[in-house]
Amino acid sequence: MIANRSNPGVDYASRHMRFGWWSLLCFLTLGFALELLHGFKVGLYLDTSNDTRRLMWTLAHAHGTLLSLVHILFAISLRVFPITASSSLKTVSWCLAGASTLLPGGFFAGGVQFYDGDPGLGILLVPIGATCLAVAVFLIAHGTSLVSPSGPQSRSDDQALGGSRSSQPSPPTGRKAIRSR
């Protein structure tokens, strides 16, 4: 894929759209596997001594599926709110990818090996993933708050986000544009 140097938001949108759909497939497959374990009454999953495992793996499936949808929504928002394609776009991208790996991965790993009803050491990845998610959501929310219905709020906002405005006035729109042609 050739990088779009004029608008890096398009490249990030494509990347997150692919990541979102592929990870959604993976986590829905995990959910299907958990349903099979439940349906065939597999003791590794259903025994009362394995409640922690069942909870951790269910949380891994749920968080992974929802974070997949977050990637898809982020990709769409990059096209709707191009201002979110700011200088923090690389940070947002890495944080979302980290959260999508660490949150479900930590829950799943915490359920693989557990101790007296407590999750295993893999659960230590969850707070790191949650922090990555919080940072990404904050940066996205901040980027979208700079957008007004008519475009960027001010020239300084646009320039701060790496955009450039030409000094030429924009062409007329609406009925005036039709009349002037």
N, C-alpha and C. Protein backbone atom coordinates (compact mmCIF):
# COMPACT_ATOMS: atom_id res chain seq x y z
N MET A 1 0.85 -1.18 0.00
CA MET A 1 0.00 0.00 0.00
C MET A 1 0.88 1.23 0.00
N ILE A 2 0.58 2.14 -0.84
CA ILE A 2 1.35 3.38 -0.96
C ILE A 2 0.84 4.37 0.08
N ALA A 3 1.76 4.98 0.79
CA ALA A 3 1.38 5.94 1.83
C ALA A 3 0.80 7.19 1.19
N ASN A 4 -0.23 7.70 1.80
CA ASN A 4 -0.85 8.94 1.35
C ASN A 4 -0.25 10.08 2.16
N ARG A 5 0.77 10.72 1.60
CA ARG A 5 1.48 11.75 2.35
C ARG A 5 0.65 13.00 2.55
N SER A 6 -0.32 13.25 1.67
CA SER A 6 -1.12 14.46 1.81
C SER A 6 -2.13 14.33 2.95
N ASN A 7 -2.58 13.13 3.25
CA ASN A 7 -3.53 12.93 4.33
C ASN A 7 -3.24 11.62 5.05
N PRO A 8 -2.42 11.66 6.10
CA PRO A 8 -2.08 10.42 6.80
C PRO A 8 -3.30 9.79 7.47
N GLY A 9 -4.36 10.55 7.69
CA GLY A 9 -5.57 10.00 8.29
C GLY A 9 -6.18 8.90 7.46
N VAL A 10 -6.03 8.99 6.14
CA VAL A 10 -6.57 7.96 5.25
C VAL A 10 -5.83 6.65 5.45
N ASP A 11 -4.50 6.72 5.58
CA ASP A 11 -3.72 5.51 5.83
C ASP A 11 -4.08 4.88 7.18
N TYR A 12 -4.20 5.72 8.18
CA TYR A 12 -4.57 5.20 9.50
C TYR A 12 -5.99 4.64 9.49
N ALA A 13 -6.88 5.28 8.77
CA ALA A 13 -8.25 4.78 8.69
C ALA A 13 -8.27 3.40 8.05
N SER A 14 -7.53 3.22 6.99
CA SER A 14 -7.47 1.90 6.33
C SER A 14 -6.86 0.85 7.25
N ARG A 15 -5.80 1.23 7.94
CA ARG A 15 -5.13 0.30 8.85
C ARG A 15 -6.07 -0.13 9.98
N HIS A 16 -6.77 0.82 10.57
CA HIS A 16 -7.65 0.47 11.70
C HIS A 16 -8.90 -0.26 11.23
N MET A 17 -9.35 0.03 10.03
CA MET A 17 -10.49 -0.71 9.49
C MET A 17 -10.12 -2.18 9.32
N ARG A 18 -8.94 -2.45 8.73
CA ARG A 18 -8.48 -3.84 8.57
C ARG A 18 -8.26 -4.50 9.93
N PHE A 19 -7.57 -3.80 10.82
CA PHE A 19 -7.31 -4.35 12.15
C PHE A 19 -8.61 -4.68 12.86
N GLY A 20 -9.57 -3.78 12.78
CA GLY A 20 -10.85 -3.98 13.45
C GLY A 20 -11.60 -5.19 12.93
N TRP A 21 -11.69 -5.32 11.61
CA TRP A 21 -12.45 -6.44 11.06
C TRP A 21 -11.76 -7.78 11.30
N TRP A 22 -10.43 -7.83 11.18
CA TRP A 22 -9.72 -9.08 11.42
C TRP A 22 -9.75 -9.47 12.90
N SER A 23 -9.58 -8.49 13.77
CA SER A 23 -9.65 -8.84 15.20
C SER A 23 -11.07 -9.20 15.61
N LEU A 24 -12.07 -8.58 14.98
CA LEU A 24 -13.45 -8.98 15.25
C LEU A 24 -13.66 -10.44 14.87
N LEU A 25 -13.12 -10.86 13.74
CA LEU A 25 -13.21 -12.26 13.34
C LEU A 25 -12.54 -13.16 14.37
N CYS A 26 -11.35 -12.77 14.85
CA CYS A 26 -10.63 -13.58 15.84
C CYS A 26 -11.41 -13.71 17.14
N PHE A 27 -11.94 -12.59 17.64
CA PHE A 27 -12.62 -12.64 18.93
C PHE A 27 -14.01 -13.27 18.84
N LEU A 28 -14.64 -13.15 17.69
CA LEU A 28 -15.91 -13.88 17.52
C LEU A 28 -15.64 -15.38 17.42
N THR A 29 -14.51 -15.76 16.83
CA THR A 29 -14.11 -17.17 16.79
C THR A 29 -13.82 -17.67 18.20
N LEU A 30 -13.17 -16.84 19.02
CA LEU A 30 -12.94 -17.20 20.42
C LEU A 30 -14.28 -17.41 21.13
N GLY A 31 -15.22 -16.53 20.87
CA GLY A 31 -16.55 -16.68 21.48
C GLY A 31 -17.23 -17.97 21.04
N PHE A 32 -17.08 -18.32 19.77
CA PHE A 32 -17.63 -19.57 19.26
C PHE A 32 -16.97 -20.75 19.96
N ALA A 33 -15.64 -20.69 20.15
CA ALA A 33 -14.92 -21.76 20.85
C ALA A 33 -15.41 -21.89 22.30
N LEU A 34 -15.64 -20.75 22.96
CA LEU A 34 -16.14 -20.80 24.33
C LEU A 34 -17.54 -21.41 24.37
N GLU A 35 -18.36 -21.10 23.38
CA GLU A 35 -19.70 -21.70 23.30
C GLU A 35 -19.60 -23.21 23.10
N LEU A 36 -18.63 -23.66 22.29
CA LEU A 36 -18.43 -25.09 22.11
C LEU A 36 -18.00 -25.76 23.41
N LEU A 37 -17.07 -25.12 24.14
CA LEU A 37 -16.66 -25.67 25.43
C LEU A 37 -17.85 -25.78 26.38
N HIS A 38 -18.70 -24.78 26.34
CA HIS A 38 -19.89 -24.79 27.18
C HIS A 38 -20.89 -25.84 26.70
N GLY A 39 -21.09 -25.91 25.41
CA GLY A 39 -22.07 -26.84 24.85
C GLY A 39 -21.69 -28.29 25.06
N PHE A 40 -20.40 -28.61 24.98
CA PHE A 40 -19.95 -29.99 25.18
C PHE A 40 -19.58 -30.27 26.64
N LYS A 41 -19.91 -29.33 27.52
CA LYS A 41 -19.70 -29.49 28.97
C LYS A 41 -18.27 -29.90 29.31
N VAL A 42 -17.33 -29.21 28.72
CA VAL A 42 -15.91 -29.49 28.96
C VAL A 42 -15.55 -29.01 30.36
N GLY A 43 -15.00 -29.91 31.17
CA GLY A 43 -14.67 -29.60 32.56
C GLY A 43 -13.64 -28.51 32.71
N LEU A 44 -12.70 -28.43 31.75
CA LEU A 44 -11.68 -27.39 31.77
C LEU A 44 -12.30 -26.01 31.82
N TYR A 45 -13.51 -25.89 31.31
CA TYR A 45 -14.19 -24.59 31.24
C TYR A 45 -15.34 -24.48 32.23
N LEU A 46 -16.07 -25.57 32.46
CA LEU A 46 -17.31 -25.47 33.23
C LEU A 46 -17.24 -25.92 34.68
N ASP A 47 -16.24 -26.68 35.07
CA ASP A 47 -16.18 -27.13 36.47
C ASP A 47 -16.18 -25.93 37.41
N THR A 48 -16.79 -26.11 38.58
CA THR A 48 -16.86 -25.00 39.54
C THR A 48 -15.48 -24.56 40.00
N SER A 49 -14.51 -25.46 39.95
CA SER A 49 -13.14 -25.07 40.31
C SER A 49 -12.52 -24.17 39.25
N ASN A 50 -13.15 -24.08 38.08
CA ASN A 50 -12.62 -23.28 36.98
C ASN A 50 -13.46 -22.02 36.72
N ASP A 51 -14.17 -21.55 37.73
CA ASP A 51 -14.98 -20.33 37.56
C ASP A 51 -14.11 -19.14 37.13
N THR A 52 -12.92 -19.06 37.70
CA THR A 52 -12.02 -17.95 37.37
C THR A 52 -11.64 -18.01 35.89
N ARG A 53 -11.34 -19.20 35.41
CA ARG A 53 -10.98 -19.35 34.00
C ARG A 53 -12.15 -18.93 33.11
N ARG A 54 -13.33 -19.39 33.44
CA ARG A 54 -14.51 -19.05 32.63
C ARG A 54 -14.73 -17.54 32.60
N LEU A 55 -14.60 -16.89 33.75
CA LEU A 55 -14.79 -15.45 33.82
C LEU A 55 -13.72 -14.71 33.01
N MET A 56 -12.46 -15.10 33.18
CA MET A 56 -11.36 -14.43 32.48
C MET A 56 -11.49 -14.59 30.97
N TRP A 57 -11.81 -15.79 30.51
CA TRP A 57 -11.92 -16.01 29.07
C TRP A 57 -13.14 -15.31 28.48
N THR A 58 -14.21 -15.23 29.26
CA THR A 58 -15.38 -14.49 28.80
C THR A 58 -15.06 -12.99 28.71
N LEU A 59 -14.33 -12.48 29.69
CA LEU A 59 -13.91 -11.08 29.64
C LEU A 59 -12.97 -10.81 28.46
N ALA A 60 -12.09 -11.76 28.16
CA ALA A 60 -11.19 -11.60 27.01
C ALA A 60 -12.01 -11.51 25.72
N HIS A 61 -12.99 -12.39 25.59
CA HIS A 61 -13.84 -12.39 24.39
C HIS A 61 -14.62 -11.08 24.29
N ALA A 62 -15.23 -10.65 25.37
CA ALA A 62 -16.06 -9.44 25.35
C ALA A 62 -15.22 -8.18 25.07
N HIS A 63 -14.10 -8.04 25.76
CA HIS A 63 -13.27 -6.86 25.56
C HIS A 63 -12.66 -6.85 24.16
N GLY A 64 -12.23 -7.99 23.69
CA GLY A 64 -11.66 -8.05 22.34
C GLY A 64 -12.67 -7.69 21.27
N THR A 65 -13.89 -8.21 21.42
CA THR A 65 -14.94 -7.90 20.45
C THR A 65 -15.28 -6.42 20.46
N LEU A 66 -15.45 -5.85 21.63
CA LEU A 66 -15.78 -4.42 21.71
C LEU A 66 -14.64 -3.53 21.22
N LEU A 67 -13.42 -3.90 21.51
CA LEU A 67 -12.30 -3.09 21.03
C LEU A 67 -12.13 -3.21 19.51
N SER A 68 -12.52 -4.33 18.95
CA SER A 68 -12.53 -4.45 17.49
C SER A 68 -13.49 -3.44 16.89
N LEU A 69 -14.64 -3.30 17.51
CA LEU A 69 -15.62 -2.32 17.04
C LEU A 69 -15.11 -0.89 17.24
N VAL A 70 -14.34 -0.66 18.29
CA VAL A 70 -13.75 0.66 18.51
C VAL A 70 -12.79 1.01 17.37
N HIS A 71 -12.02 0.03 16.90
CA HIS A 71 -11.12 0.27 15.77
C HIS A 71 -11.91 0.66 14.52
N ILE A 72 -13.00 -0.04 14.28
CA ILE A 72 -13.82 0.26 13.10
C ILE A 72 -14.42 1.66 13.22
N LEU A 73 -14.92 2.00 14.39
CA LEU A 73 -15.48 3.33 14.60
C LEU A 73 -14.41 4.42 14.49
N PHE A 74 -13.23 4.13 14.96
CA PHE A 74 -12.14 5.10 14.84
C PHE A 74 -11.80 5.33 13.37
N ALA A 75 -11.76 4.26 12.59
CA ALA A 75 -11.48 4.41 11.16
C ALA A 75 -12.55 5.26 10.48
N ILE A 76 -13.80 5.05 10.85
CA ILE A 76 -14.88 5.85 10.27
C ILE A 76 -14.76 7.30 10.73
N SER A 77 -14.44 7.50 12.00
CA SER A 77 -14.34 8.88 12.50
C SER A 77 -13.20 9.65 11.86
N LEU A 78 -12.14 8.95 11.44
CA LEU A 78 -11.05 9.63 10.74
C LEU A 78 -11.52 10.19 9.40
N ARG A 79 -12.49 9.55 8.81
CA ARG A 79 -13.01 10.05 7.53
C ARG A 79 -14.07 11.13 7.74
N VAL A 80 -14.82 11.04 8.83
CA VAL A 80 -15.87 12.03 9.11
C VAL A 80 -15.27 13.29 9.71
N PHE A 81 -14.34 13.13 10.65
CA PHE A 81 -13.68 14.25 11.32
C PHE A 81 -12.20 14.25 10.92
N PRO A 82 -11.85 14.77 9.77
CA PRO A 82 -10.45 14.72 9.36
C PRO A 82 -9.52 15.46 10.32
N ILE A 83 -10.07 16.32 11.13
CA ILE A 83 -9.25 17.06 12.09
C ILE A 83 -8.66 16.11 13.14
N THR A 84 -9.29 14.93 13.34
CA THR A 84 -8.72 13.98 14.30
C THR A 84 -7.41 13.41 13.78
N ALA A 85 -7.13 13.60 12.51
CA ALA A 85 -5.86 13.17 11.95
C ALA A 85 -4.80 14.20 12.30
N SER A 86 -4.52 14.32 13.56
CA SER A 86 -3.61 15.35 14.05
C SER A 86 -2.24 14.77 14.31
N SER A 87 -1.42 15.57 14.93
CA SER A 87 -0.07 15.13 15.25
C SER A 87 -0.08 13.98 16.26
N SER A 88 -1.18 13.82 16.99
CA SER A 88 -1.27 12.73 17.97
C SER A 88 -1.83 11.46 17.36
N LEU A 89 -2.02 11.42 16.05
CA LEU A 89 -2.62 10.26 15.39
C LEU A 89 -1.78 9.00 15.58
N LYS A 90 -0.47 9.13 15.50
CA LYS A 90 0.40 7.97 15.69
C LYS A 90 0.27 7.43 17.12
N THR A 91 0.19 8.31 18.09
CA THR A 91 0.02 7.90 19.48
C THR A 91 -1.31 7.20 19.67
N VAL A 92 -2.37 7.76 19.11
CA VAL A 92 -3.70 7.15 19.22
C VAL A 92 -3.68 5.76 18.60
N SER A 93 -3.07 5.64 17.44
CA SER A 93 -3.02 4.36 16.75
C SER A 93 -2.30 3.29 17.58
N TRP A 94 -1.15 3.66 18.10
CA TRP A 94 -0.39 2.71 18.92
C TRP A 94 -1.14 2.36 20.21
N CYS A 95 -1.76 3.35 20.82
CA CYS A 95 -2.49 3.09 22.06
C CYS A 95 -3.70 2.17 21.83
N LEU A 96 -4.42 2.40 20.73
CA LEU A 96 -5.55 1.53 20.43
C LEU A 96 -5.09 0.10 20.14
N ALA A 97 -4.02 -0.03 19.38
CA ALA A 97 -3.50 -1.37 19.09
C ALA A 97 -3.00 -2.04 20.37
N GLY A 98 -2.34 -1.27 21.22
CA GLY A 98 -1.87 -1.83 22.49
C GLY A 98 -3.02 -2.26 23.39
N ALA A 99 -4.04 -1.44 23.47
CA ALA A 99 -5.20 -1.78 24.28
C ALA A 99 -5.89 -3.02 23.74
N SER A 100 -5.97 -3.13 22.43
CA SER A 100 -6.65 -4.28 21.82
C SER A 100 -5.87 -5.57 21.98
N THR A 101 -4.60 -5.45 22.25
CA THR A 101 -3.77 -6.63 22.49
C THR A 101 -3.68 -6.94 23.99
N LEU A 102 -3.41 -5.91 24.78
CA LEU A 102 -3.14 -6.12 26.21
C LEU A 102 -4.39 -6.43 27.03
N LEU A 103 -5.49 -5.76 26.77
CA LEU A 103 -6.70 -6.01 27.56
C LEU A 103 -7.21 -7.44 27.39
N PRO A 104 -7.57 -7.87 26.18
CA PRO A 104 -8.05 -9.24 26.05
C PRO A 104 -6.95 -10.27 26.33
N GLY A 105 -5.72 -9.94 25.91
CA GLY A 105 -4.61 -10.87 26.16
C GLY A 105 -4.36 -11.08 27.64
N GLY A 106 -4.44 -10.00 28.41
CA GLY A 106 -4.26 -10.12 29.86
C GLY A 106 -5.35 -10.94 30.52
N PHE A 107 -6.59 -10.71 30.09
CA PHE A 107 -7.69 -11.52 30.64
C PHE A 107 -7.53 -12.98 30.27
N PHE A 108 -7.18 -13.24 29.01
CA PHE A 108 -7.05 -14.63 28.58
C PHE A 108 -5.90 -15.32 29.32
N ALA A 109 -4.75 -14.64 29.39
CA ALA A 109 -3.59 -15.21 30.09
C ALA A 109 -3.88 -15.40 31.58
N GLY A 110 -4.66 -14.48 32.15
CA GLY A 110 -5.03 -14.62 33.56
C GLY A 110 -5.89 -15.85 33.83
N GLY A 111 -6.59 -16.32 32.80
CA GLY A 111 -7.42 -17.50 32.95
C GLY A 111 -6.73 -18.81 32.61
N VAL A 112 -5.59 -18.74 31.94
CA VAL A 112 -4.88 -19.96 31.58
C VAL A 112 -4.35 -20.65 32.84
N GLN A 113 -3.68 -19.91 33.66
CA GLN A 113 -3.15 -20.43 34.93
C GLN A 113 -3.62 -19.51 36.04
N PHE A 114 -4.35 -20.04 36.99
CA PHE A 114 -4.84 -19.21 38.10
C PHE A 114 -4.56 -19.92 39.42
N TYR A 115 -4.66 -19.16 40.49
CA TYR A 115 -4.25 -19.65 41.80
C TYR A 115 -5.36 -19.39 42.81
N ASP A 116 -5.94 -20.45 43.36
CA ASP A 116 -6.97 -20.36 44.41
C ASP A 116 -8.06 -19.34 44.08
N GLY A 117 -8.53 -19.36 42.87
CA GLY A 117 -9.60 -18.45 42.48
C GLY A 117 -9.14 -17.08 42.02
N ASP A 118 -7.84 -16.81 42.13
CA ASP A 118 -7.30 -15.53 41.66
C ASP A 118 -6.69 -15.72 40.28
N PRO A 119 -6.85 -14.73 39.40
CA PRO A 119 -6.27 -14.87 38.06
C PRO A 119 -4.75 -14.95 38.11
N GLY A 120 -4.19 -15.51 37.04
CA GLY A 120 -2.74 -15.63 36.93
C GLY A 120 -2.07 -14.29 36.68
N LEU A 121 -0.75 -14.34 36.52
CA LEU A 121 0.04 -13.11 36.37
C LEU A 121 -0.28 -12.35 35.09
N GLY A 122 -0.88 -13.00 34.11
CA GLY A 122 -1.25 -12.33 32.87
C GLY A 122 -2.20 -11.17 33.10
N ILE A 123 -2.94 -11.20 34.20
CA ILE A 123 -3.90 -10.13 34.51
C ILE A 123 -3.20 -8.80 34.71
N LEU A 124 -1.88 -8.82 34.96
CA LEU A 124 -1.12 -7.58 35.14
C LEU A 124 -1.06 -6.75 33.84
N LEU A 125 -1.36 -7.37 32.72
CA LEU A 125 -1.39 -6.64 31.45
C LEU A 125 -2.64 -5.78 31.31
N VAL A 126 -3.69 -6.13 32.04
CA VAL A 126 -4.97 -5.44 31.89
C VAL A 126 -4.90 -3.95 32.25
N PRO A 127 -4.32 -3.56 33.39
CA PRO A 127 -4.26 -2.12 33.68
C PRO A 127 -3.42 -1.34 32.68
N ILE A 128 -2.40 -1.96 32.11
CA ILE A 128 -1.60 -1.28 31.09
C ILE A 128 -2.45 -1.07 29.85
N GLY A 129 -3.19 -2.09 29.45
CA GLY A 129 -4.08 -1.96 28.31
C GLY A 129 -5.18 -0.95 28.54
N ALA A 130 -5.71 -0.92 29.76
CA ALA A 130 -6.77 0.05 30.08
C ALA A 130 -6.23 1.48 30.02
N THR A 131 -4.99 1.67 30.46
CA THR A 131 -4.36 2.99 30.38
C THR A 131 -4.17 3.40 28.92
N CYS A 132 -3.72 2.48 28.10
CA CYS A 132 -3.58 2.77 26.66
C CYS A 132 -4.92 3.17 26.06
N LEU A 133 -5.98 2.46 26.42
CA LEU A 133 -7.31 2.77 25.90
C LEU A 133 -7.76 4.15 26.37
N ALA A 134 -7.54 4.47 27.63
CA ALA A 134 -7.94 5.77 28.17
C ALA A 134 -7.20 6.91 27.46
N VAL A 135 -5.90 6.74 27.21
CA VAL A 135 -5.13 7.76 26.51
C VAL A 135 -5.67 7.95 25.10
N ALA A 136 -5.92 6.84 24.39
CA ALA A 136 -6.42 6.92 23.02
C ALA A 136 -7.78 7.61 22.97
N VAL A 137 -8.67 7.24 23.86
CA VAL A 137 -10.01 7.83 23.85
C VAL A 137 -9.93 9.32 24.19
N PHE A 138 -9.09 9.69 25.13
CA PHE A 138 -8.93 11.11 25.45
C PHE A 138 -8.43 11.90 24.24
N LEU A 139 -7.41 11.38 23.56
CA LEU A 139 -6.85 12.09 22.41
C LEU A 139 -7.87 12.18 21.27
N ILE A 140 -8.65 11.14 21.07
CA ILE A 140 -9.69 11.18 20.04
C ILE A 140 -10.75 12.20 20.40
N ALA A 141 -11.21 12.15 21.65
CA ALA A 141 -12.24 13.10 22.09
C ALA A 141 -11.73 14.53 21.98
N HIS A 142 -10.48 14.75 22.35
CA HIS A 142 -9.90 16.10 22.24
C HIS A 142 -9.83 16.54 20.78
N GLY A 143 -9.44 15.63 19.90
CA GLY A 143 -9.36 15.96 18.48
C GLY A 143 -10.72 16.27 17.87
N THR A 144 -11.74 15.55 18.29
CA THR A 144 -13.07 15.81 17.74
C THR A 144 -13.69 17.06 18.34
N SER A 145 -13.26 17.46 19.52
CA SER A 145 -13.83 18.67 20.12
C SER A 145 -13.34 19.93 19.41
N LEU A 146 -12.30 19.79 18.60
CA LEU A 146 -11.79 20.93 17.85
C LEU A 146 -12.55 21.15 16.55
N VAL A 147 -13.50 20.29 16.26
CA VAL A 147 -14.25 20.37 15.01
C VAL A 147 -15.58 21.05 15.26
N SER A 148 -15.89 22.04 14.43
CA SER A 148 -17.21 22.68 14.48
C SER A 148 -17.94 22.30 13.20
N PRO A 149 -19.25 22.51 13.13
CA PRO A 149 -19.98 22.14 11.93
C PRO A 149 -19.46 22.80 10.65
N SER A 150 -18.90 23.98 10.77
CA SER A 150 -18.40 24.66 9.58
C SER A 150 -16.91 24.44 9.36
N GLY A 151 -16.27 23.62 10.16
CA GLY A 151 -14.85 23.35 10.00
C GLY A 151 -14.11 23.66 11.28
N PRO A 152 -12.80 23.80 11.20
CA PRO A 152 -12.01 24.08 12.39
C PRO A 152 -12.42 25.40 13.03
N GLN A 153 -12.30 25.46 14.35
CA GLN A 153 -12.75 26.63 15.09
C GLN A 153 -11.91 27.85 14.79
N SER A 154 -10.65 27.66 14.65
CA SER A 154 -9.79 28.81 14.39
C SER A 154 -8.57 28.38 13.61
N ARG A 155 -7.90 29.37 13.10
CA ARG A 155 -6.70 29.08 12.33
C ARG A 155 -5.64 28.42 13.21
N SER A 156 -5.53 28.83 14.46
CA SER A 156 -4.52 28.25 15.34
C SER A 156 -4.81 26.78 15.62
N ASP A 157 -6.08 26.39 15.73
CA ASP A 157 -6.41 24.98 15.93
C ASP A 157 -5.98 24.17 14.72
N ASP A 158 -6.28 24.69 13.52
CA ASP A 158 -5.96 23.97 12.31
C ASP A 158 -4.44 23.84 12.15
N GLN A 159 -3.72 24.91 12.42
CA GLN A 159 -2.28 24.86 12.28
C GLN A 159 -1.66 24.00 13.37
N ALA A 160 -2.23 23.97 14.55
CA ALA A 160 -1.69 23.15 15.63
C ALA A 160 -1.81 21.67 15.31
N LEU A 161 -2.80 21.33 14.49
CA LEU A 161 -3.00 19.94 14.13
C LEU A 161 -2.30 19.57 12.83
N GLY A 162 -1.44 20.43 12.34
CA GLY A 162 -0.65 20.10 11.17
C GLY A 162 -1.32 20.47 9.86
N GLY A 163 -2.47 21.08 9.91
CA GLY A 163 -3.16 21.47 8.69
C GLY A 163 -2.65 22.80 8.18
N SER A 164 -3.03 23.12 6.98
CA SER A 164 -2.66 24.41 6.45
C SER A 164 -3.87 24.99 5.75
N ARG A 165 -4.05 26.27 5.94
CA ARG A 165 -5.15 26.97 5.29
C ARG A 165 -4.57 27.91 4.26
N SER A 166 -5.17 27.90 3.13
CA SER A 166 -4.72 28.86 2.13
C SER A 166 -5.36 30.21 2.43
N SER A 167 -4.72 31.25 1.97
CA SER A 167 -5.25 32.59 2.22
C SER A 167 -6.34 32.95 1.23
N GLN A 168 -6.59 32.07 0.24
CA GLN A 168 -7.61 32.34 -0.75
C GLN A 168 -8.98 32.00 -0.19
N PRO A 169 -9.99 32.79 -0.53
CA PRO A 169 -11.34 32.47 -0.05
C PRO A 169 -11.85 31.22 -0.73
N SER A 170 -12.74 30.51 -0.05
CA SER A 170 -13.31 29.29 -0.61
C SER A 170 -14.36 29.66 -1.65
N PRO A 171 -14.60 28.77 -2.63
CA PRO A 171 -15.60 29.07 -3.65
C PRO A 171 -16.99 29.14 -3.04
N PRO A 172 -17.89 29.90 -3.66
CA PRO A 172 -19.24 30.01 -3.11
C PRO A 172 -19.97 28.68 -3.18
N THR A 173 -20.89 28.49 -2.22
CA THR A 173 -21.66 27.26 -2.18
C THR A 173 -23.14 27.59 -2.21
N GLY A 174 -23.95 26.59 -2.45
CA GLY A 174 -25.41 26.75 -2.39
C GLY A 174 -25.95 27.47 -3.61
N ARG A 175 -27.02 28.24 -3.45
CA ARG A 175 -27.69 28.93 -4.56
C ARG A 175 -26.81 30.00 -5.18
N LYS A 176 -26.01 30.67 -4.37
CA LYS A 176 -25.14 31.71 -4.91
C LYS A 176 -24.15 31.10 -5.89
N ALA A 177 -23.69 29.89 -5.62
CA ALA A 177 -22.74 29.24 -6.51
C ALA A 177 -23.40 28.93 -7.84
N ILE A 178 -24.64 28.52 -7.83
CA ILE A 178 -25.36 28.20 -9.05
C ILE A 178 -25.58 29.46 -9.90
N ARG A 179 -25.94 30.54 -9.25
CA ARG A 179 -26.21 31.79 -9.96
C ARG A 179 -24.94 32.37 -10.57
N SER A 180 -23.83 32.22 -9.88
CA SER A 180 -22.60 32.85 -10.35
C SER A 180 -21.95 32.09 -11.50
N ARG A 181 -22.43 30.91 -11.81
CA ARG A 181 -21.84 30.11 -12.88
C ARG A 181 -22.33 30.50 -14.21
